[in-house]
Amino acid sequence: MIKFILTFFSILPLRINHFIGAMIGRYLSLTNSDSKKVVSKNIQTCFPDLSDMEQQNLVKRSLIETGKGLSESGFIWFNSFKNNATYITKTTGMAHLKSDLPVILLVPHFGCWEITG
């Protein structure tokens, strides 16, 4: 079932993937899901100075981005790097990678960070 879902997302245009993922995130923001509970607790812990409304908005935005990350996984995993590379519109720090000095690549563990490899 999971492979079917990932394959389904791989054939959709990225814009449609993001739309569906955003809808998944909006749905999660309306439920009392474990994901929402974890995100809410993290936002409360990290941003205690924000108002309740600001925290709720941040929770919703976070869940929307999580949904988009989930939906784009099949797109990224089942398409070629050449195809995926066409979606990279901005890079910074390339001079560091091209230098002879060692470089530590810090990559967040969300979304499709695998494409950095």
PDB file of N, CA and C in Angstrom:
ATOM      1  N   MET A   1       0.822  -1.196   0.000  1.00  0.00           N
ATOM      2  CA  MET A   1       0.000   0.000   0.000  1.00  0.00           C
ATOM      3  C   MET A   1       0.864   1.257   0.000  1.00  0.00           C
ATOM      4  N   ILE A   2       1.926   1.243   0.827  1.00  0.00           N
ATOM      5  CA  ILE A   2       2.799   2.416   0.898  1.00  0.00           C
ATOM      6  C   ILE A   2       3.476   2.653  -0.444  1.00  0.00           C
ATOM      7  N   LYS A   3       3.954   1.569  -1.081  1.00  0.00           N
ATOM      8  CA  LYS A   3       4.608   1.727  -2.383  1.00  0.00           C
ATOM      9  C   LYS A   3       3.626   2.286  -3.407  1.00  0.00           C
ATOM     10  N   PHE A   4       2.375   1.835  -3.351  1.00  0.00           N
ATOM     11  CA  PHE A   4       1.358   2.354  -4.264  1.00  0.00           C
ATOM     12  C   PHE A   4       1.174   3.858  -4.069  1.00  0.00           C
ATOM     13  N   ILE A   5       1.073   4.280  -2.818  1.00  0.00           N
ATOM     14  CA  ILE A   5       0.875   5.704  -2.520  1.00  0.00           C
ATOM     15  C   ILE A   5       2.074   6.520  -2.994  1.00  0.00           C
ATOM     16  N   LEU A   6       3.287   6.033  -2.709  1.00  0.00           N
ATOM     17  CA  LEU A   6       4.487   6.753  -3.146  1.00  0.00           C
ATOM     18  C   LEU A   6       4.565   6.813  -4.668  1.00  0.00           C
ATOM     19  N   THR A   7       4.213   5.710  -5.333  1.00  0.00           N
ATOM     20  CA  THR A   7       4.211   5.695  -6.797  1.00  0.00           C
ATOM     21  C   THR A   7       3.174   6.672  -7.331  1.00  0.00           C
ATOM     22  N   PHE A   8       2.014   6.710  -6.702  1.00  0.00           N
ATOM     23  CA  PHE A   8       0.972   7.656  -7.102  1.00  0.00           C
ATOM     24  C   PHE A   8       1.495   9.089  -7.045  1.00  0.00           C
ATOM     25  N   PHE A   9       2.140   9.440  -5.933  1.00  0.00           N
ATOM     26  CA  PHE A   9       2.671  10.795  -5.803  1.00  0.00           C
ATOM     27  C   PHE A   9       3.810  11.056  -6.786  1.00  0.00           C
ATOM     28  N   SER A  10       4.512  10.006  -7.201  1.00  0.00           N
ATOM     29  CA  SER A  10       5.645  10.201  -8.111  1.00  0.00           C
ATOM     30  C   SER A  10       5.205  10.622  -9.503  1.00  0.00           C
ATOM     31  N   ILE A  11       3.974  10.281  -9.889  1.00  0.00           N
ATOM     32  CA  ILE A  11       3.527  10.626 -11.241  1.00  0.00           C
ATOM     33  C   ILE A  11       2.774  11.954 -11.299  1.00  0.00           C
ATOM     34  N   LEU A  12       2.457  12.496 -10.149  1.00  0.00           N
ATOM     35  CA  LEU A  12       1.760  13.790 -10.116  1.00  0.00           C
ATOM     36  C   LEU A  12       2.755  14.936 -10.244  1.00  0.00           C
ATOM     37  N   PRO A  13       2.355  16.031 -10.850  1.00  0.00           N
ATOM     38  CA  PRO A  13       3.227  17.211 -10.853  1.00  0.00           C
ATOM     39  C   PRO A  13       3.476  17.687  -9.419  1.00  0.00           C
ATOM     40  N   LEU A  14       4.632  18.289  -9.189  1.00  0.00           N
ATOM     41  CA  LEU A  14       5.001  18.722  -7.846  1.00  0.00           C
ATOM     42  C   LEU A  14       3.975  19.696  -7.265  1.00  0.00           C
ATOM     43  N   ARG A  15       3.440  20.555  -8.092  1.00  0.00           N
ATOM     44  CA  ARG A  15       2.434  21.521  -7.626  1.00  0.00           C
ATOM     45  C   ARG A  15       1.208  20.794  -7.049  1.00  0.00           C
ATOM     46  N   ILE A  16       0.776  19.730  -7.708  1.00  0.00           N
ATOM     47  CA  ILE A  16      -0.361  18.936  -7.221  1.00  0.00           C
ATOM     48  C   ILE A  16       0.027  18.201  -5.939  1.00  0.00           C
ATOM     49  N   ASN A  17       1.258  17.662  -5.903  1.00  0.00           N
ATOM     50  CA  ASN A  17       1.762  17.025  -4.685  1.00  0.00           C
ATOM     51  C   ASN A  17       1.674  17.974  -3.503  1.00  0.00           C
ATOM     52  N   HIS A  18       2.156  19.182  -3.695  1.00  0.00           N
ATOM     53  CA  HIS A  18       2.155  20.159  -2.605  1.00  0.00           C
ATOM     54  C   HIS A  18       0.735  20.536  -2.197  1.00  0.00           C
ATOM     55  N   PHE A  19      -0.160  20.624  -3.158  1.00  0.00           N
ATOM     56  CA  PHE A  19      -1.555  20.931  -2.838  1.00  0.00           C
ATOM     57  C   PHE A  19      -2.155  19.828  -1.966  1.00  0.00           C
ATOM     58  N   ILE A  20      -1.965  18.581  -2.382  1.00  0.00           N
ATOM     59  CA  ILE A  20      -2.499  17.451  -1.608  1.00  0.00           C
ATOM     60  C   ILE A  20      -1.839  17.397  -0.234  1.00  0.00           C
ATOM     61  N   GLY A  21      -0.520  17.590  -0.196  1.00  0.00           N
ATOM     62  CA  GLY A  21       0.193  17.581   1.078  1.00  0.00           C
ATOM     63  C   GLY A  21      -0.286  18.679   2.010  1.00  0.00           C
ATOM     64  N   ALA A  22      -0.545  19.856   1.453  1.00  0.00           N
ATOM     65  CA  ALA A  22      -1.058  20.964   2.267  1.00  0.00           C
ATOM     66  C   ALA A  22      -2.436  20.624   2.824  1.00  0.00           C
ATOM     67  N   MET A  23      -3.257  19.945   2.030  1.00  0.00           N
ATOM     68  CA  MET A  23      -4.581  19.535   2.512  1.00  0.00           C
ATOM     69  C   MET A  23      -4.450  18.509   3.642  1.00  0.00           C
ATOM     70  N   ILE A  24      -3.491  17.598   3.516  1.00  0.00           N
ATOM     71  CA  ILE A  24      -3.238  16.629   4.586  1.00  0.00           C
ATOM     72  C   ILE A  24      -2.841  17.375   5.859  1.00  0.00           C
ATOM     73  N   GLY A  25      -1.945  18.350   5.718  1.00  0.00           N
ATOM     74  CA  GLY A  25      -1.509  19.139   6.870  1.00  0.00           C
ATOM     75  C   GLY A  25      -2.642  19.924   7.501  1.00  0.00           C
ATOM     76  N   ARG A  26      -3.499  20.509   6.671  1.00  0.00           N
ATOM     77  CA  ARG A  26      -4.655  21.244   7.203  1.00  0.00           C
ATOM     78  C   ARG A  26      -5.586  20.298   7.963  1.00  0.00           C
ATOM     79  N   TYR A  27      -5.783  19.115   7.403  1.00  0.00           N
ATOM     80  CA  TYR A  27      -6.612  18.120   8.091  1.00  0.00           C
ATOM     81  C   TYR A  27      -6.009  17.778   9.458  1.00  0.00           C
ATOM     82  N   LEU A  28      -4.703  17.517   9.488  1.00  0.00           N
ATOM     83  CA  LEU A  28      -4.039  17.192  10.754  1.00  0.00           C
ATOM     84  C   LEU A  28      -4.175  18.329  11.761  1.00  0.00           C
ATOM     85  N   SER A  29      -4.168  19.564  11.267  1.00  0.00           N
ATOM     86  CA  SER A  29      -4.267  20.706  12.179  1.00  0.00           C
ATOM     87  C   SER A  29      -5.664  20.832  12.786  1.00  0.00           C
ATOM     88  N   LEU A  30      -6.646  20.202  12.174  1.00  0.00           N
ATOM     89  CA  LEU A  30      -8.021  20.254  12.680  1.00  0.00           C
ATOM     90  C   LEU A  30      -8.358  19.086  13.600  1.00  0.00           C
ATOM     91  N   THR A  31      -7.493  18.079  13.625  1.00  0.00           N
ATOM     92  CA  THR A  31      -7.752  16.887  14.435  1.00  0.00           C
ATOM     93  C   THR A  31      -6.982  16.961  15.748  1.00  0.00           C
ATOM     94  N   ASN A  32      -7.169  15.964  16.558  1.00  0.00           N
ATOM     95  CA  ASN A  32      -6.420  15.848  17.803  1.00  0.00           C
ATOM     96  C   ASN A  32      -5.382  14.732  17.654  1.00  0.00           C
ATOM     97  N   SER A  33      -4.714  14.707  16.498  1.00  0.00           N
ATOM     98  CA  SER A  33      -3.771  13.639  16.173  1.00  0.00           C
ATOM     99  C   SER A  33      -2.514  13.717  17.036  1.00  0.00           C
ATOM    100  N   ASP A  34      -1.797  12.611  17.089  1.00  0.00           N
ATOM    101  CA  ASP A  34      -0.523  12.601  17.808  1.00  0.00           C
ATOM    102  C   ASP A  34       0.443  13.616  17.203  1.00  0.00           C
ATOM    103  N   SER A  35       0.421  13.727  15.867  1.00  0.00           N
ATOM    104  CA  SER A  35       1.306  14.695  15.203  1.00  0.00           C
ATOM    105  C   SER A  35       1.032  16.108  15.696  1.00  0.00           C
ATOM    106  N   LYS A  36      -0.235  16.459  15.765  1.00  0.00           N
ATOM    107  CA  LYS A  36      -0.591  17.801  16.228  1.00  0.00           C
ATOM    108  C   LYS A  36      -0.179  18.004  17.677  1.00  0.00           C
ATOM    109  N   LYS A  37      -0.364  16.986  18.507  1.00  0.00           N
ATOM    110  CA  LYS A  37       0.023  17.099  19.918  1.00  0.00           C
ATOM    111  C   LYS A  37       1.526  17.335  20.062  1.00  0.00           C
ATOM    112  N   VAL A  38       2.320  16.590  19.299  1.00  0.00           N
ATOM    113  CA  VAL A  38       3.779  16.733  19.377  1.00  0.00           C
ATOM    114  C   VAL A  38       4.209  18.105  18.881  1.00  0.00           C
ATOM    115  N   VAL A  39       3.679  18.520  17.730  1.00  0.00           N
ATOM    116  CA  VAL A  39       4.037  19.831  17.179  1.00  0.00           C
ATOM    117  C   VAL A  39       3.613  20.938  18.139  1.00  0.00           C
ATOM    118  N   SER A  40       2.413  20.841  18.690  1.00  0.00           N
ATOM    119  CA  SER A  40       1.926  21.863  19.630  1.00  0.00           C
ATOM    120  C   SER A  40       2.835  21.976  20.844  1.00  0.00           C
ATOM    121  N   LYS A  41       3.215  20.845  21.404  1.00  0.00           N
ATOM    122  CA  LYS A  41       4.098  20.850  22.579  1.00  0.00           C
ATOM    123  C   LYS A  41       5.457  21.455  22.224  1.00  0.00           C
ATOM    124  N   ASN A  42       5.985  21.092  21.062  1.00  0.00           N
ATOM    125  CA  ASN A  42       7.273  21.646  20.637  1.00  0.00           C
ATOM    126  C   ASN A  42       7.198  23.159  20.443  1.00  0.00           C
ATOM    127  N   ILE A  43       6.127  23.629  19.820  1.00  0.00           N
ATOM    128  CA  ILE A  43       5.956  25.072  19.596  1.00  0.00           C
ATOM    129  C   ILE A  43       5.818  25.795  20.934  1.00  0.00           C
ATOM    130  N   GLN A  44       5.038  25.238  21.857  1.00  0.00           N
ATOM    131  CA  GLN A  44       4.876  25.857  23.180  1.00  0.00           C
ATOM    132  C   GLN A  44       6.210  25.926  23.915  1.00  0.00           C
ATOM    133  N   THR A  45       7.008  24.877  23.788  1.00  0.00           N
ATOM    134  CA  THR A  45       8.301  24.823  24.474  1.00  0.00           C
ATOM    135  C   THR A  45       9.303  25.792  23.852  1.00  0.00           C
ATOM    136  N   CYS A  46       9.337  25.830  22.533  1.00  0.00           N
ATOM    137  CA  CYS A  46      10.337  26.653  21.839  1.00  0.00           C
ATOM    138  C   CYS A  46       9.957  28.123  21.735  1.00  0.00           C
ATOM    139  N   PHE A  47       8.670  28.410  21.721  1.00  0.00           N
ATOM    140  CA  PHE A  47       8.205  29.786  21.534  1.00  0.00           C
ATOM    141  C   PHE A  47       7.185  30.175  22.606  1.00  0.00           C
ATOM    142  N   PRO A  48       7.590  30.163  23.876  1.00  0.00           N
ATOM    143  CA  PRO A  48       6.629  30.458  24.951  1.00  0.00           C
ATOM    144  C   PRO A  48       6.135  31.901  24.937  1.00  0.00           C
ATOM    145  N   ASP A  49       6.880  32.801  24.300  1.00  0.00           N
ATOM    146  CA  ASP A  49       6.485  34.209  24.281  1.00  0.00           C
ATOM    147  C   ASP A  49       5.421  34.524  23.229  1.00  0.00           C
ATOM    148  N   LEU A  50       5.159  33.591  22.317  1.00  0.00           N
ATOM    149  CA  LEU A  50       4.121  33.827  21.316  1.00  0.00           C
ATOM    150  C   LEU A  50       2.742  33.694  21.956  1.00  0.00           C
ATOM    151  N   SER A  51       1.798  34.444  21.432  1.00  0.00           N
ATOM    152  CA  SER A  51       0.416  34.322  21.911  1.00  0.00           C
ATOM    153  C   SER A  51      -0.140  32.955  21.498  1.00  0.00           C
ATOM    154  N   ASP A  52      -1.252  32.570  22.108  1.00  0.00           N
ATOM    155  CA  ASP A  52      -1.889  31.297  21.749  1.00  0.00           C
ATOM    156  C   ASP A  52      -2.222  31.252  20.260  1.00  0.00           C
ATOM    157  N   MET A  53      -2.727  32.363  19.736  1.00  0.00           N
ATOM    158  CA  MET A  53      -3.088  32.422  18.316  1.00  0.00           C
ATOM    159  C   MET A  53      -1.849  32.261  17.432  1.00  0.00           C
ATOM    160  N   GLU A  54      -0.762  32.927  17.792  1.00  0.00           N
ATOM    161  CA  GLU A  54       0.475  32.808  17.019  1.00  0.00           C
ATOM    162  C   GLU A  54       1.009  31.376  17.071  1.00  0.00           C
ATOM    163  N   GLN A  55       0.924  30.754  18.233  1.00  0.00           N
ATOM    164  CA  GLN A  55       1.363  29.361  18.360  1.00  0.00           C
ATOM    165  C   GLN A  55       0.491  28.440  17.512  1.00  0.00           C
ATOM    166  N   GLN A  56      -0.813  28.652  17.534  1.00  0.00           N
ATOM    167  CA  GLN A  56      -1.726  27.824  16.738  1.00  0.00           C
ATOM    168  C   GLN A  56      -1.448  27.983  15.243  1.00  0.00           C
ATOM    169  N   ASN A  57      -1.177  29.217  14.817  1.00  0.00           N
ATOM    170  CA  ASN A  57      -0.843  29.450  13.408  1.00  0.00           C
ATOM    171  C   ASN A  57       0.453  28.748  13.024  1.00  0.00           C
ATOM    172  N   LEU A  58       1.431  28.780  13.916  1.00  0.00           N
ATOM    173  CA  LEU A  58       2.707  28.117  13.659  1.00  0.00           C
ATOM    174  C   LEU A  58       2.530  26.597  13.616  1.00  0.00           C
ATOM    175  N   VAL A  59       1.694  26.062  14.484  1.00  0.00           N
ATOM    176  CA  VAL A  59       1.387  24.623  14.463  1.00  0.00           C
ATOM    177  C   VAL A  59       0.766  24.256  13.119  1.00  0.00           C
ATOM    178  N   LYS A  60      -0.198  25.035  12.677  1.00  0.00           N
ATOM    179  CA  LYS A  60      -0.869  24.766  11.399  1.00  0.00           C
ATOM    180  C   LYS A  60       0.126  24.824  10.248  1.00  0.00           C
ATOM    181  N   ARG A  61       0.955  25.862  10.213  1.00  0.00           N
ATOM    182  CA  ARG A  61       1.948  25.993   9.135  1.00  0.00           C
ATOM    183  C   ARG A  61       2.937  24.834   9.153  1.00  0.00           C
ATOM    184  N   SER A  62       3.339  24.414  10.347  1.00  0.00           N
ATOM    185  CA  SER A  62       4.266  23.294  10.474  1.00  0.00           C
ATOM    186  C   SER A  62       3.644  22.002   9.940  1.00  0.00           C
ATOM    187  N   LEU A  63       2.393  21.751  10.296  1.00  0.00           N
ATOM    188  CA  LEU A  63       1.724  20.540   9.831  1.00  0.00           C
ATOM    189  C   LEU A  63       1.491  20.568   8.326  1.00  0.00           C
ATOM    190  N   ILE A  64       1.217  21.737   7.771  1.00  0.00           N
ATOM    191  CA  ILE A  64       1.069  21.861   6.317  1.00  0.00           C
ATOM    192  C   ILE A  64       2.384  21.505   5.632  1.00  0.00           C
ATOM    193  N   GLU A  65       3.491  22.023   6.139  1.00  0.00           N
ATOM    194  CA  GLU A  65       4.794  21.708   5.541  1.00  0.00           C
ATOM    195  C   GLU A  65       5.146  20.235   5.720  1.00  0.00           C
ATOM    196  N   THR A  66       4.742  19.651   6.840  1.00  0.00           N
ATOM    197  CA  THR A  66       4.959  18.215   7.051  1.00  0.00           C
ATOM    198  C   THR A  66       4.176  17.406   6.023  1.00  0.00           C
ATOM    199  N   GLY A  67       2.933  17.784   5.801  1.00  0.00           N
ATOM    200  CA  GLY A  67       2.119  17.110   4.785  1.00  0.00           C
ATOM    201  C   GLY A  67       2.732  17.224   3.403  1.00  0.00           C
ATOM    202  N   LYS A  68       3.248  18.401   3.072  1.00  0.00           N
ATOM    203  CA  LYS A  68       3.896  18.594   1.775  1.00  0.00           C
ATOM    204  C   LYS A  68       5.152  17.737   1.670  1.00  0.00           C
ATOM    205  N   GLY A  69       5.890  17.645   2.765  1.00  0.00           N
ATOM    206  CA  GLY A  69       7.088  16.800   2.770  1.00  0.00           C
ATOM    207  C   GLY A  69       6.747  15.336   2.543  1.00  0.00           C
ATOM    208  N   LEU A  70       5.661  14.890   3.150  1.00  0.00           N
ATOM    209  CA  LEU A  70       5.228  13.505   2.949  1.00  0.00           C
ATOM    210  C   LEU A  70       4.814  13.260   1.504  1.00  0.00           C
ATOM    211  N   SER A  71       4.038  14.165   0.953  1.00  0.00           N
ATOM    212  CA  SER A  71       3.534  13.954  -0.404  1.00  0.00           C
ATOM    213  C   SER A  71       4.636  14.051  -1.453  1.00  0.00           C
ATOM    214  N   GLU A  72       5.658  14.844  -1.198  1.00  0.00           N
ATOM    215  CA  GLU A  72       6.722  14.965  -2.195  1.00  0.00           C
ATOM    216  C   GLU A  72       7.744  13.839  -2.092  1.00  0.00           C
ATOM    217  N   SER A  73       7.679  13.031  -1.055  1.00  0.00           N
ATOM    218  CA  SER A  73       8.642  11.938  -0.898  1.00  0.00           C
ATOM    219  C   SER A  73       8.612  10.985  -2.085  1.00  0.00           C
ATOM    220  N   GLY A  74       7.427  10.542  -2.489  1.00  0.00           N
ATOM    221  CA  GLY A  74       7.324   9.656  -3.648  1.00  0.00           C
ATOM    222  C   GLY A  74       7.839  10.319  -4.905  1.00  0.00           C
ATOM    223  N   PHE A  75       7.530  11.591  -5.058  1.00  0.00           N
ATOM    224  CA  PHE A  75       7.991  12.347  -6.223  1.00  0.00           C
ATOM    225  C   PHE A  75       9.515  12.347  -6.293  1.00  0.00           C
ATOM    226  N   ILE A  76      10.163  12.597  -5.171  1.00  0.00           N
ATOM    227  CA  ILE A  76      11.621  12.662  -5.123  1.00  0.00           C
ATOM    228  C   ILE A  76      12.235  11.275  -5.256  1.00  0.00           C
ATOM    229  N   TRP A  77      11.731  10.315  -4.502  1.00  0.00           N
ATOM    230  CA  TRP A  77      12.335   8.981  -4.469  1.00  0.00           C
ATOM    231  C   TRP A  77      12.194   8.225  -5.778  1.00  0.00           C
ATOM    232  N   PHE A  78      11.100   8.427  -6.507  1.00  0.00           N
ATOM    233  CA  PHE A  78      10.841   7.646  -7.711  1.00  0.00           C
ATOM    234  C   PHE A  78      11.185   8.380  -9.006  1.00  0.00           C
ATOM    235  N   ASN A  79      11.685   9.581  -8.925  1.00  0.00           N
ATOM    236  CA  ASN A  79      12.128  10.307 -10.113  1.00  0.00           C
ATOM    237  C   ASN A  79      13.647  10.389 -10.121  1.00  0.00           C
ATOM    238  N   SER A  80      14.199  10.648 -11.275  1.00  0.00           N
ATOM    239  CA  SER A  80      15.654  10.709 -11.416  1.00  0.00           C
ATOM    240  C   SER A  80      16.203  11.986 -10.778  1.00  0.00           C
ATOM    241  N   PHE A  81      17.485  11.932 -10.423  1.00  0.00           N
ATOM    242  CA  PHE A  81      18.120  13.134  -9.883  1.00  0.00           C
ATOM    243  C   PHE A  81      18.086  14.255 -10.921  1.00  0.00           C
ATOM    244  N   LYS A  82      18.278  13.901 -12.187  1.00  0.00           N
ATOM    245  CA  LYS A  82      18.255  14.916 -13.253  1.00  0.00           C
ATOM    246  C   LYS A  82      16.918  15.657 -13.251  1.00  0.00           C
ATOM    247  N   ASN A  83      15.833  14.925 -13.129  1.00  0.00           N
ATOM    248  CA  ASN A  83      14.512  15.550 -13.075  1.00  0.00           C
ATOM    249  C   ASN A  83      14.353  16.376 -11.804  1.00  0.00           C
ATOM    250  N   ASN A  84      14.742  15.812 -10.669  1.00  0.00           N
ATOM    251  CA  ASN A  84      14.599  16.522  -9.396  1.00  0.00           C
ATOM    252  C   ASN A  84      15.441  17.790  -9.356  1.00  0.00           C
ATOM    253  N   ALA A  85      16.610  17.742  -9.980  1.00  0.00           N
ATOM    254  CA  ALA A  85      17.516  18.896  -9.955  1.00  0.00           C
ATOM    255  C   ALA A  85      16.909  20.117 -10.637  1.00  0.00           C
ATOM    256  N   THR A  86      15.960  19.906 -11.526  1.00  0.00           N
ATOM    257  CA  THR A  86      15.340  21.051 -12.205  1.00  0.00           C
ATOM    258  C   THR A  86      14.517  21.903 -11.240  1.00  0.00           C
ATOM    259  N   TYR A  87      14.195  21.356 -10.066  1.00  0.00           N
ATOM    260  CA  TYR A  87      13.408  22.091  -9.075  1.00  0.00           C
ATOM    261  C   TYR A  87      14.273  22.866  -8.088  1.00  0.00           C
ATOM    262  N   ILE A  88      15.577  22.682  -8.156  1.00  0.00           N
ATOM    263  CA  ILE A  88      16.482  23.427  -7.277  1.00  0.00           C
ATOM    264  C   ILE A  88      16.697  24.796  -7.911  1.00  0.00           C
ATOM    265  N   THR A  89      16.215  25.822  -7.259  1.00  0.00           N
ATOM    266  CA  THR A  89      16.260  27.161  -7.844  1.00  0.00           C
ATOM    267  C   THR A  89      17.323  28.055  -7.227  1.00  0.00           C
ATOM    268  N   LYS A  90      17.841  27.678  -6.062  1.00  0.00           N
ATOM    269  CA  LYS A  90      18.830  28.524  -5.411  1.00  0.00           C
ATOM    270  C   LYS A  90      19.744  27.660  -4.554  1.00  0.00           C
ATOM    271  N   THR A  91      21.021  27.891  -4.675  1.00  0.00           N
ATOM    272  CA  THR A  91      21.990  27.223  -3.807  1.00  0.00           C
ATOM    273  C   THR A  91      22.931  28.274  -3.242  1.00  0.00           C
ATOM    274  N   THR A  92      23.387  28.045  -2.045  1.00  0.00           N
ATOM    275  CA  THR A  92      24.361  28.946  -1.424  1.00  0.00           C
ATOM    276  C   THR A  92      25.497  28.111  -0.854  1.00  0.00           C
ATOM    277  N   GLY A  93      26.665  28.697  -0.809  1.00  0.00           N
ATOM    278  CA  GLY A  93      27.809  28.026  -0.196  1.00  0.00           C
ATOM    279  C   GLY A  93      28.556  27.068  -1.097  1.00  0.00           C
ATOM    280  N   MET A  94      28.310  27.098  -2.394  1.00  0.00           N
ATOM    281  CA  MET A  94      28.985  26.168  -3.300  1.00  0.00           C
ATOM    282  C   MET A  94      30.498  26.361  -3.293  1.00  0.00           C
ATOM    283  N   ALA A  95      30.952  27.587  -3.071  1.00  0.00           N
ATOM    284  CA  ALA A  95      32.401  27.840  -3.031  1.00  0.00           C
ATOM    285  C   ALA A  95      33.059  27.019  -1.928  1.00  0.00           C
ATOM    286  N   HIS A  96      32.367  26.838  -0.824  1.00  0.00           N
ATOM    287  CA  HIS A  96      32.909  26.039   0.277  1.00  0.00           C
ATOM    288  C   HIS A  96      33.051  24.576  -0.130  1.00  0.00           C
ATOM    289  N   LEU A  97      32.067  24.074  -0.872  1.00  0.00           N
ATOM    290  CA  LEU A  97      32.124  22.682  -1.311  1.00  0.00           C
ATOM    291  C   LEU A  97      33.237  22.460  -2.330  1.00  0.00           C
ATOM    292  N   LYS A  98      33.517  23.484  -3.134  1.00  0.00           N
ATOM    293  CA  LYS A  98      34.542  23.359  -4.177  1.00  0.00           C
ATOM    294  C   LYS A  98      35.944  23.606  -3.654  1.00  0.00           C
ATOM    295  N   SER A  99      36.067  24.120  -2.439  1.00  0.00           N
ATOM    296  CA  SER A  99      37.394  24.391  -1.877  1.00  0.00           C
ATOM    297  C   SER A  99      38.042  23.079  -1.439  1.00  0.00           C
ATOM    298  N   ASP A 100      39.325  23.154  -1.154  1.00  0.00           N
ATOM    299  CA  ASP A 100      40.063  21.971  -0.693  1.00  0.00           C
ATOM    300  C   ASP A 100      39.902  21.736   0.804  1.00  0.00           C
ATOM    301  N   LEU A 101      39.177  22.594   1.475  1.00  0.00           N
ATOM    302  CA  LEU A 101      38.999  22.463   2.918  1.00  0.00           C
ATOM    303  C   LEU A 101      37.855  21.495   3.234  1.00  0.00           C
ATOM    304  N   PRO A 102      37.939  20.823   4.374  1.00  0.00           N
ATOM    305  CA  PRO A 102      36.824  19.944   4.765  1.00  0.00           C
ATOM    306  C   PRO A 102      35.552  20.761   5.012  1.00  0.00           C
ATOM    307  N   VAL A 103      34.429  20.159   4.731  1.00  0.00           N
ATOM    308  CA  VAL A 103      33.136  20.824   4.889  1.00  0.00           C
ATOM    309  C   VAL A 103      32.201  19.890   5.658  1.00  0.00           C
ATOM    310  N   ILE A 104      31.489  20.453   6.606  1.00  0.00           N
ATOM    311  CA  ILE A 104      30.434  19.707   7.296  1.00  0.00           C
ATOM    312  C   ILE A 104      29.112  20.192   6.718  1.00  0.00           C
ATOM    313  N   LEU A 105      28.346  19.266   6.190  1.00  0.00           N
ATOM    314  CA  LEU A 105      27.058  19.599   5.597  1.00  0.00           C
ATOM    315  C   LEU A 105      25.974  19.359   6.641  1.00  0.00           C
ATOM    316  N   LEU A 106      25.336  20.432   7.076  1.00  0.00           N
ATOM    317  CA  LEU A 106      24.240  20.336   8.041  1.00  0.00           C
ATOM    318  C   LEU A 106      22.925  20.356   7.275  1.00  0.00           C
ATOM    319  N   VAL A 107      22.156  19.300   7.427  1.00  0.00           N
ATOM    320  CA  VAL A 107      20.913  19.174   6.681  1.00  0.00           C
ATOM    321  C   VAL A 107      19.797  18.822   7.658  1.00  0.00           C
ATOM    322  N   PRO A 108      18.713  19.573   7.656  1.00  0.00           N
ATOM    323  CA  PRO A 108      17.615  19.262   8.575  1.00  0.00           C
ATOM    324  C   PRO A 108      16.990  17.915   8.234  1.00  0.00           C
ATOM    325  N   HIS A 109      16.445  17.260   9.227  1.00  0.00           N
ATOM    326  CA  HIS A 109      15.847  15.939   9.033  1.00  0.00           C
ATOM    327  C   HIS A 109      14.339  16.075   8.834  1.00  0.00           C
ATOM    328  N   PHE A 110      13.974  16.755   7.771  1.00  0.00           N
ATOM    329  CA  PHE A 110      12.576  16.820   7.375  1.00  0.00           C
ATOM    330  C   PHE A 110      12.531  17.092   5.887  1.00  0.00           C
ATOM    331  N   GLY A 111      11.426  16.836   5.279  1.00  0.00           N
ATOM    332  CA  GLY A 111      11.318  16.997   3.844  1.00  0.00           C
ATOM    333  C   GLY A 111      12.136  15.937   3.135  1.00  0.00           C
ATOM    334  N   CYS A 112      12.540  16.222   1.957  1.00  0.00           N
ATOM    335  CA  CYS A 112      13.294  15.257   1.156  1.00  0.00           C
ATOM    336  C   CYS A 112      14.765  15.622   1.132  1.00  0.00           C
ATOM    337  N   TRP A 113      15.384  15.620   2.285  1.00  0.00           N
ATOM    338  CA  TRP A 113      16.789  15.971   2.419  1.00  0.00           C
ATOM    339  C   TRP A 113      17.691  14.978   1.719  1.00  0.00           C
ATOM    340  N   GLU A 114      17.168  13.806   1.344  1.00  0.00           N
ATOM    341  CA  GLU A 114      17.970  12.788   0.692  1.00  0.00           C
ATOM    342  C   GLU A 114      18.573  13.287  -0.622  1.00  0.00           C
ATOM    343  N   ILE A 115      17.927  14.259  -1.252  1.00  0.00           N
ATOM    344  CA  ILE A 115      18.416  14.714  -2.549  1.00  0.00           C
ATOM    345  C   ILE A 115      19.734  15.455  -2.440  1.00  0.00           C
ATOM    346  N   THR A 116      20.155  15.811  -1.223  1.00  0.00           N
ATOM    347  CA  THR A 116      21.447  16.489  -1.091  1.00  0.00           C
ATOM    348  C   THR A 116      22.597  15.537  -1.355  1.00  0.00           C
ATOM    349  N   GLY A 117      22.344  14.242  -1.275  1.00  0.00           N
ATOM    350  CA  GLY A 117      23.379  13.233  -1.533  1.00  0.00           C
ATOM    351  C   GLY A 117      23.638  13.145  -2.988  1.00  0.00           C
TER     352      GLY A 117
END
